[in-house]
Protein backbone atom coordinates (compact mmCIF):
# COMPACT_ATOMS: atom_id res chain seq x y z
CA LEU A 1 -145.71 -65.09 -67.91
CA GLU A 2 -148.75 -63.29 -66.57
CA SER A 3 -151.02 -65.29 -68.85
CA LEU A 4 -149.57 -68.53 -67.44
CA MET A 5 -150.47 -67.36 -63.94
CA ALA A 6 -153.91 -66.07 -64.94
CA GLU A 7 -154.68 -69.38 -66.67
CA ASN A 8 -153.36 -71.35 -63.68
CA ARG A 9 -150.90 -73.32 -65.84
CA VAL A 10 -149.04 -74.83 -62.91
CA LYS A 11 -146.98 -77.37 -64.87
CA ASP A 12 -145.70 -74.76 -67.31
CA LEU A 13 -144.83 -72.38 -64.47
CA GLN A 14 -143.13 -75.24 -62.64
CA ARG A 15 -140.92 -75.96 -65.67
CA LEU A 16 -140.08 -72.31 -66.16
CA TYR A 17 -139.26 -71.89 -62.47
CA GLY A 18 -136.95 -74.91 -62.62
CA LEU A 19 -135.16 -73.65 -65.71
CA LEU A 20 -134.74 -70.10 -64.45
CA GLY A 21 -133.60 -71.35 -61.06
CA ARG A 22 -130.73 -73.24 -62.67
CA VAL A 23 -129.28 -70.05 -64.13
CA ASN A 24 -130.05 -67.71 -61.22
CA GLY A 25 -132.78 -66.07 -63.31
CA LEU A 26 -135.65 -65.96 -60.84
CA GLN A 27 -135.63 -62.16 -60.46
CA PRO A 28 -137.66 -61.51 -63.65
CA MET A 29 -140.17 -64.14 -62.51
CA LYS A 30 -140.43 -62.43 -59.12
CA VAL A 31 -141.07 -59.09 -60.80
CA ALA A 32 -143.74 -60.61 -63.07
CA PHE A 33 -145.42 -62.43 -60.17
CA THR A 34 -145.51 -59.26 -58.06
CA ALA A 35 -146.94 -57.24 -60.96
CA TYR A 36 -149.60 -59.90 -61.59
CA VAL A 37 -150.67 -59.95 -57.93
CA LYS A 38 -150.88 -56.16 -57.77
CA ARG A 39 -152.74 -55.78 -61.06
CA ALA A 40 -155.26 -58.51 -60.33
CA GLY A 41 -155.81 -57.30 -56.76
CA VAL A 42 -156.40 -53.70 -57.82
CA GLU A 43 -158.73 -54.91 -60.54
CA MET A 44 -160.82 -56.84 -58.00
CA VAL A 45 -160.93 -54.04 -55.45
CA THR A 46 -161.87 -51.34 -57.96
CA ASN A 47 -164.54 -53.34 -59.82
CA GLU A 48 -167.74 -51.72 -58.58
CA GLU A 49 -169.91 -54.21 -60.48
CA ARG A 50 -168.59 -57.06 -58.31
CA GLU A 51 -168.46 -55.14 -55.05
CA LYS A 52 -170.65 -57.67 -53.24
CA GLU A 53 -168.44 -60.57 -54.35
CA MET A 54 -165.15 -58.76 -53.72
CA VAL A 55 -164.26 -60.45 -50.43
CA GLN A 56 -164.92 -63.93 -51.83
CA ASP A 57 -163.04 -63.06 -55.03
CA LEU A 58 -160.03 -61.93 -52.98
CA LEU A 59 -160.13 -65.09 -50.85
CA ASP A 60 -160.34 -67.26 -53.97
CA PHE A 61 -157.43 -65.32 -55.50
CA LYS A 62 -155.34 -65.84 -52.37
CA GLY A 63 -156.06 -69.57 -52.55
CA LYS A 64 -154.94 -69.60 -56.18
CA LEU A 65 -151.74 -67.72 -55.29
CA ASP A 66 -151.02 -70.09 -52.41
CA LEU A 67 -151.40 -73.03 -54.79
CA LEU A 68 -149.09 -71.41 -57.36
CA LEU A 69 -146.45 -70.71 -54.72
CA GLU A 70 -146.61 -74.22 -53.34
CA GLU A 71 -146.86 -76.27 -56.54
CA ALA A 72 -145.33 -74.16 -59.29
CA PHE A 73 -142.72 -72.25 -57.31
CA ASP A 74 -141.67 -74.99 -54.87
CA GLY A 75 -143.00 -73.08 -51.84
CA ASN A 76 -140.55 -70.21 -52.45
CA GLU A 77 -142.04 -67.45 -50.29
CA GLU A 78 -139.44 -64.98 -51.56
CA LEU A 79 -141.01 -65.09 -54.97
């Protein structure tokens, strides 16, 4: 699941979200999404080699997450 998010595979995530939503199975997706956000964020903040680009990297990451939430997860802010 994390690789789908990292690779920005919106359509695949959209299908998975739809399928899991039908069987009340969104909790594992929520856990995976939260873990992905935390891991990627910590990775960006602790990368000393990209310290100068960190703010832009974080802003770009937030844009990517906003897009995933809106398009793949139907705007579900609880995810």
